[in-house]
Protein backbone atom coordinates (compact mmCIF):
# COMPACT_ATOMS: atom_id res chain seq x y z
CA MET A 1 51.04 151.28 255.29
CA PRO A 2 50.12 150.14 251.80
CA SER A 3 46.39 149.68 251.87
CA GLY A 4 45.23 146.46 253.62
CA LEU A 5 47.30 143.33 253.31
CA PRO A 6 49.42 142.45 250.26
CA SER A 7 47.37 141.10 247.40
CA ALA A 8 48.00 137.66 245.89
CA GLN A 9 49.31 139.44 242.78
CA ALA A 10 51.74 141.57 244.74
CA LEU A 11 52.99 138.49 246.65
CA LEU A 12 53.05 135.78 244.03
CA GLU A 13 53.15 137.44 240.66
CA ASP A 14 54.63 141.00 240.86
CA LYS A 15 56.66 140.06 243.98
CA THR A 16 56.71 143.63 245.09
CA VAL A 17 56.90 142.26 248.68
CA ALA A 18 60.31 140.58 249.00
CA PHE A 19 61.02 140.17 252.75
CA PHE A 20 59.45 139.78 256.17
CA SER A 21 60.71 140.32 259.69
CA ILE A 22 59.55 139.01 263.04
CA ASP A 23 59.44 141.12 266.24
CA THR A 24 60.80 139.84 269.55
CA ASP A 25 57.33 139.51 271.10
CA ILE A 26 56.26 136.93 268.54
CA ILE A 27 59.47 134.87 268.96
CA GLN A 28 59.18 135.02 272.71
CA GLY A 29 55.50 133.93 272.52
CA LEU A 30 56.69 130.83 270.72
CA GLY A 31 59.13 130.07 273.49
CA PHE A 32 62.22 130.89 271.39
CA LYS A 33 61.78 127.44 269.87
CA PHE A 34 63.48 127.88 266.56
CA SER A 35 63.69 124.19 265.81
CA GLU A 36 60.17 123.17 266.83
CA GLY A 37 56.60 123.93 265.90
CA ALA A 38 55.62 127.08 264.04
CA LEU A 39 59.13 128.51 263.55
CA ARG A 40 60.42 125.24 262.23
CA ALA A 41 57.52 124.92 259.77
CA LEU A 42 58.00 128.43 258.50
CA PRO A 43 60.59 127.69 255.79
CA LEU A 44 58.16 125.28 254.08
CA GLN A 45 55.14 127.57 254.44
CA ARG A 46 56.43 130.76 252.89
CA PRO A 47 57.47 131.14 249.22
CA SER A 48 61.17 130.43 248.80
CA TRP A 49 61.84 133.79 247.31
CA LEU A 50 60.44 135.70 250.36
CA THR A 51 63.43 136.01 252.67
CA ILE A 52 63.61 136.98 256.27
CA GLN A 53 65.40 140.19 257.28
CA GLN A 54 65.87 140.36 261.01
CA THR A 55 67.26 143.44 262.66
CA GLU A 56 70.21 143.53 265.01
CA VAL A 57 67.92 145.09 267.53
CA VAL A 58 65.61 142.00 267.59
CA GLU A 59 68.62 139.68 267.57
CA ARG A 60 69.98 141.36 270.64
CA GLU A 61 66.62 141.50 272.39
CA VAL A 62 65.97 137.75 271.83
CA HIS A 63 69.53 136.97 273.08
CA ALA A 64 69.03 139.10 276.23
CA HIS A 65 65.63 137.46 277.02
CA ARG A 66 67.12 134.03 276.68
CA MET A 67 70.21 134.75 278.70
CA ASP A 68 68.25 136.33 281.66
CA PRO A 69 67.10 132.99 283.27
CA VAL A 70 70.54 131.45 282.62
CA THR A 71 72.37 134.29 284.41
CA LYS A 72 69.81 134.24 287.20
CA THR A 73 70.13 130.45 287.69
CA VAL A 74 73.92 130.63 287.78
CA LYS A 75 73.82 133.34 290.47
CA GLU A 76 71.31 131.24 292.46
CA LEU A 77 73.52 128.19 292.11
CA ASN A 78 76.64 129.99 293.32
CA SER A 79 74.67 131.47 296.20
CA ALA A 80 73.30 128.07 297.15
CA ILE A 81 76.79 126.49 297.12
CA SER A 82 78.14 129.35 299.30
CA SER A 83 75.25 128.88 301.70
CA LEU A 84 75.77 125.12 301.82
CA GLN A 85 79.51 125.59 302.47
CA ARG A 86 78.73 128.09 305.30
CA HIS A 87 76.20 125.74 307.02
CA THR A 88 78.23 122.51 306.61
CA ARG A 89 81.74 123.90 306.74
CA GLN A 90 82.69 121.66 303.88
CA ASP A 91 85.07 122.74 301.14
CA PHE A 92 83.21 123.11 297.82
CA THR A 93 86.17 124.56 295.99
CA SER A 94 86.23 121.64 293.57
CA VAL A 95 82.53 122.08 292.86
CA ASN A 96 83.01 125.79 292.09
CA ALA A 97 85.99 124.98 289.85
CA GLN A 98 83.86 122.40 287.92
CA ILE A 99 81.05 124.91 287.34
CA GLU A 100 83.54 127.62 286.26
CA GLY A 101 85.10 125.06 283.94
CA MET A 102 81.75 124.29 282.37
CA ASN A 103 81.21 128.01 281.83
CA PRO A 104 77.41 127.66 281.41
CA GLU A 105 76.79 131.29 280.56
CA ALA A 106 79.30 131.36 277.69
CA VAL A 107 78.06 128.01 276.36
CA ALA A 108 74.47 129.17 276.48
CA ALA A 109 75.31 132.50 274.79
CA ARG A 110 77.09 130.62 271.99
CA ASN A 111 74.32 128.18 271.50
CA PHE A 112 71.59 130.85 271.47
CA SER A 113 73.56 132.86 268.91
CA ASN A 114 74.12 129.92 266.66
CA GLU A 115 70.37 128.93 266.85
CA PHE A 116 69.32 132.47 265.76
CA LYS A 117 71.83 132.57 262.93
CA ALA A 118 70.77 129.11 261.74
CA PHE A 119 67.07 130.18 261.82
CA VAL A 120 67.77 133.28 259.72
CA ALA A 121 69.96 131.27 257.30
CA GLY A 122 67.30 128.69 256.92
CA LEU A 123 64.95 131.37 255.61
CA ALA A 124 67.64 132.70 253.17
CA GLY A 125 67.87 135.93 255.05
CA SER A 126 70.29 138.13 257.02
CA VAL A 127 70.57 140.31 260.10
CA LEU A 128 70.42 144.04 259.26
CA PRO A 129 72.93 145.93 261.44
CA ILE A 130 72.06 149.05 263.45
CA ASP A 131 73.68 151.39 260.94
CA GLY A 132 72.99 154.20 258.58
CA ALA A 133 74.15 157.83 258.49
CA ASN A 134 70.64 159.17 259.16
CA LEU A 135 69.28 156.58 261.59
CA ALA A 136 69.91 158.56 264.81
CA ARG A 137 68.36 161.70 263.27
CA GLN A 138 65.34 159.78 262.05
CA MET A 139 64.77 158.26 265.48
CA PHE A 140 65.04 161.60 267.35
CA ASP A 141 62.81 163.39 264.80
CA ARG A 142 60.12 160.85 265.51
CA TYR A 143 60.79 160.98 269.25
CA PHE A 144 60.37 164.79 269.45
CA GLN A 145 57.36 164.78 267.08
CA GLU A 146 55.76 161.91 269.00
CA VAL A 147 55.39 159.91 265.84
CA ALA A 148 55.00 156.07 265.90
CA PRO A 149 56.34 154.01 267.42
CA PHE A 150 56.83 156.68 270.08
CA GLU A 151 53.91 157.38 272.39
CA ALA A 152 54.21 160.48 274.58
CA ARG A 153 57.95 160.50 274.07
CA LYS A 154 58.54 157.12 275.79
CA LYS A 155 62.25 156.55 275.74
CA SER A 156 61.63 152.78 275.94
CA GLU A 157 60.48 152.86 272.33
CA PHE A 158 63.94 153.63 270.99
CA PRO A 159 64.72 150.00 270.15
CA ASP A 160 61.47 149.65 268.25
CA ALA A 161 62.20 152.79 266.37
CA ALA A 162 65.63 151.61 265.41
CA ALA A 163 64.32 148.22 264.17
CA LEU A 164 61.45 149.67 262.14
CA LEU A 165 63.53 152.47 260.61
CA THR A 166 66.25 149.94 259.66
CA LEU A 167 63.61 147.71 257.96
CA GLU A 168 62.03 150.71 256.12
CA ASN A 169 65.44 151.98 254.98
CA HIS A 170 66.21 148.45 253.70
CA ALA A 171 62.91 148.41 251.80
CA MET A 172 63.58 151.75 250.17
CA ALA A 173 67.16 150.83 249.35
CA THR A 174 65.98 147.61 247.60
CA GLN A 175 62.82 149.15 246.27
CA LYS A 176 60.84 146.11 247.73
CA GLN A 177 58.15 146.17 250.36
CA GLY A 178 58.28 144.03 253.54
CA ILE A 179 55.94 142.53 256.04
CA VAL A 180 56.60 142.90 259.86
CA ILE A 181 55.03 140.47 262.26
CA SER A 182 54.35 142.00 265.66
CA LYS A 183 51.62 142.32 268.33
CA ASP A 184 53.09 145.73 269.31
CA GLY A 185 50.66 148.52 268.52
CA GLY A 186 53.57 150.91 267.85
CA TRP A 187 54.74 148.65 264.98
CA ALA A 188 51.26 148.64 263.48
CA ASP A 189 51.03 152.45 263.82
CA PHE A 190 54.40 152.86 262.15
CA ALA A 191 53.28 150.65 259.23
CA LYS A 192 50.09 152.69 258.72
CA ASP A 193 52.18 155.72 257.80
CA SER A 194 54.74 153.82 255.72
CA ASP A 195 54.63 153.14 251.97
CA TRP A 196 57.06 150.26 252.37
CA ILE A 197 55.98 148.19 255.40
CA TYR A 198 52.96 145.98 256.02
CA CYS A 199 52.17 144.74 259.49
CA VAL A 200 50.40 141.57 260.72
CA LYS A 201 49.81 140.68 264.34
CA SER A 202 50.68 137.01 264.33
CA LEU A 203 52.63 134.31 262.57
CA ASP A 204 49.34 132.60 261.84
CA GLU A 205 48.10 135.67 260.02
CA PHE A 206 51.37 135.85 258.05
CA VAL A 207 51.45 132.26 256.85
CA ALA A 208 47.74 132.38 255.97
CA LEU A 209 48.76 134.69 253.15
CA PHE A 210 50.37 131.75 251.46
CA LYS A 211 47.86 128.92 252.03
CA SER A 212 47.46 126.77 249.02
CA ALA A 213 44.05 126.71 247.40
CA ASN A 214 44.54 124.66 244.19
CA PRO A 215 42.77 121.38 243.57
CA VAL A 216 45.65 119.23 245.00
CA ALA A 217 45.61 121.24 248.25
CA THR A 218 41.89 121.03 248.46
CA GLY A 219 42.00 117.33 247.92
CA VAL A 220 44.69 116.85 250.59
CA THR A 221 42.72 118.93 253.09
CA ALA A 222 39.64 116.85 252.51
CA LYS A 223 41.52 113.60 253.06
CA VAL A 224 43.15 114.84 256.23
CA SER A 225 39.81 116.04 257.58
CA THR A 226 38.18 112.67 256.84
CA GLU A 227 41.05 110.81 258.64
CA LEU A 228 40.96 113.08 261.69
CA SER A 229 37.18 112.87 262.01
CA ASN A 230 37.68 109.08 262.53
CA THR A 231 39.21 108.70 265.98
CA THR A 232 40.40 105.22 265.18
CA SER A 233 42.27 106.12 262.00
CA SER A 234 46.09 105.78 261.86
CA LEU A 235 46.40 109.59 261.55
CA SER A 236 44.26 110.17 264.62
CA THR A 237 46.31 107.68 266.61
CA LEU A 238 49.48 109.54 265.60
CA VAL A 239 47.97 112.83 266.63
CA GLN A 240 46.87 111.49 270.04
CA SER A 241 50.36 110.05 270.65
CA ALA A 242 51.92 113.39 269.79
CA VAL A 243 49.51 115.29 272.07
CA GLU A 244 50.16 112.83 274.95
CA ASN A 245 53.90 113.29 274.63
CA HIS A 246 53.43 117.06 274.47
CA VAL A 247 51.48 117.06 277.80
CA ALA A 248 54.04 114.78 279.44
CA GLY A 249 57.03 116.91 278.25
CA ALA A 250 55.58 120.39 278.82
CA TYR A 251 56.57 122.65 281.70
CA TRP A 252 53.65 123.16 284.12
CA ASN A 253 53.70 126.01 286.64
CA ALA A 254 51.28 126.13 289.58
CA GLY A 255 50.00 129.66 290.25
CA ASP A 256 47.19 131.73 291.85
CA VAL A 257 47.26 129.65 295.02
CA TRP A 258 46.09 130.95 298.43
CA THR A 259 44.69 129.73 301.74
CA GLY A 260 42.78 131.16 304.71
CA PHE A 261 44.61 128.73 307.10
CA CYS A 262 48.13 130.13 307.37
CA HIS A 263 50.29 132.98 306.34
CA ARG A 264 52.01 131.33 303.30
CA VAL A 265 51.36 128.55 300.88
CA GLU A 266 53.42 127.13 298.01
CA ALA A 267 52.32 124.96 295.09
CA GLU A 268 54.32 122.83 292.67
CA VAL A 269 53.08 120.59 289.84
CA ASP A 270 53.93 116.96 290.30
CA GLN A 271 52.57 115.55 287.06
CA ALA A 272 50.16 116.33 284.18
CA HIS A 273 47.94 113.63 282.71
CA TYR A 274 46.43 113.62 279.24
CA VAL A 275 42.63 113.29 279.42
CA GLY A 276 41.43 113.93 275.89
CA HIS A 277 41.47 116.32 272.90
CA GLN A 278 39.37 117.63 270.03
CA VAL A 279 40.73 118.70 266.70
CA ASP A 280 39.24 121.80 264.99
CA LEU A 281 38.41 120.53 261.52
CA THR A 282 36.97 123.89 260.47
CA GLU A 283 40.36 125.66 260.29
CA ILE A 284 42.82 123.31 258.57
CA GLY A 285 45.74 125.15 256.89
CA THR A 286 47.46 123.52 253.91
CA TRP A 287 50.71 124.56 252.26
CA LEU A 288 52.16 122.81 249.24
CA VAL A 289 55.94 123.29 249.26
CA GLU A 290 56.87 125.45 246.36
CA HIS A 291 60.24 123.83 245.56
CA ASP A 292 58.98 120.26 246.02
CA PRO A 293 55.47 119.29 244.94
CA THR A 294 55.64 115.98 246.81
CA ILE A 295 55.74 117.71 250.23
CA CYS A 296 52.78 119.24 252.00
CA ILE A 297 52.45 120.92 255.48
CA ILE A 298 49.13 120.77 257.31
CA GLU A 299 48.40 122.79 260.40
CA VAL A 300 45.52 121.93 262.73
CA ARG A 301 44.56 123.26 266.14
CA ALA A 302 43.44 121.04 268.95
CA LYS A 303 41.92 121.67 272.42
CA VAL A 304 43.54 119.38 274.95
CA GLN A 305 42.11 118.44 278.33
CA VAL A 306 44.57 117.79 281.13
CA SER A 307 44.40 116.68 284.75
CA VAL A 308 47.19 118.22 286.79
CA ASP A 309 48.48 116.86 290.10
CA VAL A 310 49.65 119.62 292.42
CA ASN A 311 51.55 119.42 295.70
CA VAL A 312 50.67 122.25 298.12
CA GLU A 313 52.73 122.99 301.20
CA PHE A 314 51.48 125.07 304.11
CA PHE A 315 53.78 127.30 306.26
CA ILE A 316 52.84 128.73 309.68
CA TYR A 317 54.74 131.35 311.63
CA ASP A 318 55.89 130.61 315.21
CA THR A 319 55.41 133.91 317.02
CA ILE A 320 57.36 132.59 320.04
CA ASP A 321 60.49 131.43 318.28
CA HIS A 322 59.99 133.79 315.41
CA GLU A 323 60.48 131.27 312.72
CA GLU A 324 58.56 129.80 309.87
CA LEU A 325 57.50 126.11 310.11
CA ASN A 326 56.35 123.69 307.46
CA PHE A 327 52.95 122.55 308.60
CA GLY A 328 52.56 119.85 305.95
CA SER A 329 51.36 119.31 302.46
CA ILE A 330 48.52 117.85 300.41
CA GLU A 331 47.94 116.69 296.84
CA VAL A 332 45.23 118.33 294.85
CA SER A 333 44.09 117.80 291.27
CA ARG A 334 43.11 120.49 288.84
CA ASP A 335 41.54 120.27 285.42
CA HIS A 336 43.09 122.40 282.72
CA GLU A 337 42.60 123.00 278.97
CA VAL A 338 45.18 124.18 276.52
CA GLU A 339 45.31 124.85 272.75
CA VAL A 340 48.11 123.38 270.68
CA ASP A 341 49.03 123.69 267.01
CA LEU A 342 49.98 120.47 265.24
CA PHE A 343 52.06 120.42 262.06
CA ILE A 344 51.53 117.32 259.88
CA THR A 345 54.08 116.73 257.12
CA LEU A 346 53.02 114.59 254.16
CA ARG A 347 55.38 113.25 251.48
CA GLY A 348 54.56 111.43 248.22
CA ASP A 349 51.88 111.50 245.50
CA LEU A 350 49.67 114.12 247.25
CA GLU A 351 46.96 114.02 244.66
CA ASN A 352 46.31 110.29 244.47
CA ALA A 353 47.76 108.51 247.52
CA ALA A 354 45.93 107.80 250.75
CA ILE A 355 47.08 109.58 253.81
CA ASP A 356 48.62 106.43 255.27
CA ASP A 357 50.79 106.14 252.19
CA LEU A 358 52.06 109.72 252.50
CA ASP A 359 54.41 108.95 255.42
CA PRO A 360 52.65 111.37 257.83
CA SER A 361 54.87 112.85 260.57
CA ILE A 362 53.53 115.10 263.38
CA GLU A 363 55.31 117.79 265.35
CA LEU A 364 54.35 120.05 268.25
CA ALA A 365 56.54 122.59 269.93
CA GLY A 366 57.23 122.07 273.56
CA GLY A 367 54.87 124.04 275.82
CA GLU A 368 54.84 125.97 279.11
CA TYR A 369 51.52 126.37 280.90
CA ASP A 370 50.23 128.00 284.06
CA VAL A 371 47.70 126.19 286.11
CA GLU A 372 45.41 128.12 288.50
CA VAL A 373 45.26 126.26 291.80
CA GLY A 374 42.90 128.54 293.73
CA GLU A 375 42.10 128.30 297.35
CA VAL A 376 43.33 125.27 299.32
CA ASP A 377 43.27 124.24 302.99
CA PRO A 378 44.89 121.41 304.88
CA ASP A 379 43.02 118.10 305.07
CA PHE A 380 42.89 117.26 308.73
CA SER A 381 41.00 114.03 308.09
CA GLU A 382 44.08 112.22 306.86
CA GLU A 383 46.17 110.54 309.53
CA PRO A 384 49.01 110.72 310.05
CA TYR A 385 49.34 114.23 308.54
CA ASP A 386 52.27 114.64 306.14
CA ASN A 387 55.06 116.62 307.83
């Protein structure tokens, strides 16, 4: 790859770097939330002339990942209806017809495709097709030579190879370098040997290349830091409200639960409660929007403390009747801490106005978190026991 990361001159003056591309693992890590959080802020954080060039490979991978739970749920729903019909001997034909009429898989596929296309269009980019007269030969040459992204001739790396070669061929055709964003070591190894492709491991590392450092940005950062250090300020109140809503609206999964009492135990989160949070004032990111000097994006990270109520059910096996019985359930509480990224948008006279006069708005992407429950046992002191 070109030595190190792109210089400020290469990015902002010479503009030898003209595009970027995001790997599937990054988009998946952000929950495929194109209209929330980091992916939504991206159009205002990167220079307007730096376009996104996504590959058809990544587009299809993202689509497949998003469709998997939809297809699985539809199958489970149809199976549940068939089972209910078998047990109750009721006719569920009308229910099946209604589900078929709604066509959830087709609707989801269309919505997912439109979201991806809108995201790319919002960054003035395009989707590069799996094409090119030499693409197949280039991939197999790398495969047999065990050159990145291939490791020990792993056939599973063919999609990565197709994506990376498509991007490199695009760079050579346009005579402009590009930046790929991926946690995959194969992508980084490919970039090391390329004269056209840089690689960064996260979206944070990518947008950090464009942080504003002029006096206006420095002043805005200082004002935001002062407001956030005062827990009673209007901005701090807005942040707390946003964090509380995030905790209440997130998906909480209970995992790592076990017991020495019976052969099986299940746990499900009932509710998560906001306890407190701390904002990291040492790492405030500031981006002045290139095409509108009255708009600014601020990114701050917060640690959030949460108390999670978990319902735990115990199941014992009846060796006489050879069936599983629900022995009862208990409620337990677990403390949990998560990190969230908050995006604060300010609008107005950034240099002179107070933060309250800059119409601050705050956004967090929806989250999904796993809570470790640990070992649990029934509470025999409670009477009557919940059955």
